[in-house]
């Protein structure tokens, strides 16, 4: 069985370690995405909705790497009529 633990990384060393590993893994993936499409500078913002990321998203539109469920991407797609 499993259970949800709010702020589990504060309560459990194993949850905290897993959280750190997941973040490092995700950051590496975002750096690889930058190699595939450097226009979006994923290596800088790691996919977070920073002002620069949002500006590049408006400038170039969403890439195939962007999640369509991400609010700013969804709005771009709606503006483009996709």
Foldseek 3Di string as FASTA:
>chain_A
DDDDDVVVLVVDVVVVVVVVVVVVVLLVVQVVVCVVPVLQVCNVVSPDPDVSNLVSCLVPPDDPPDDCVPVSNVVSCVVVVD
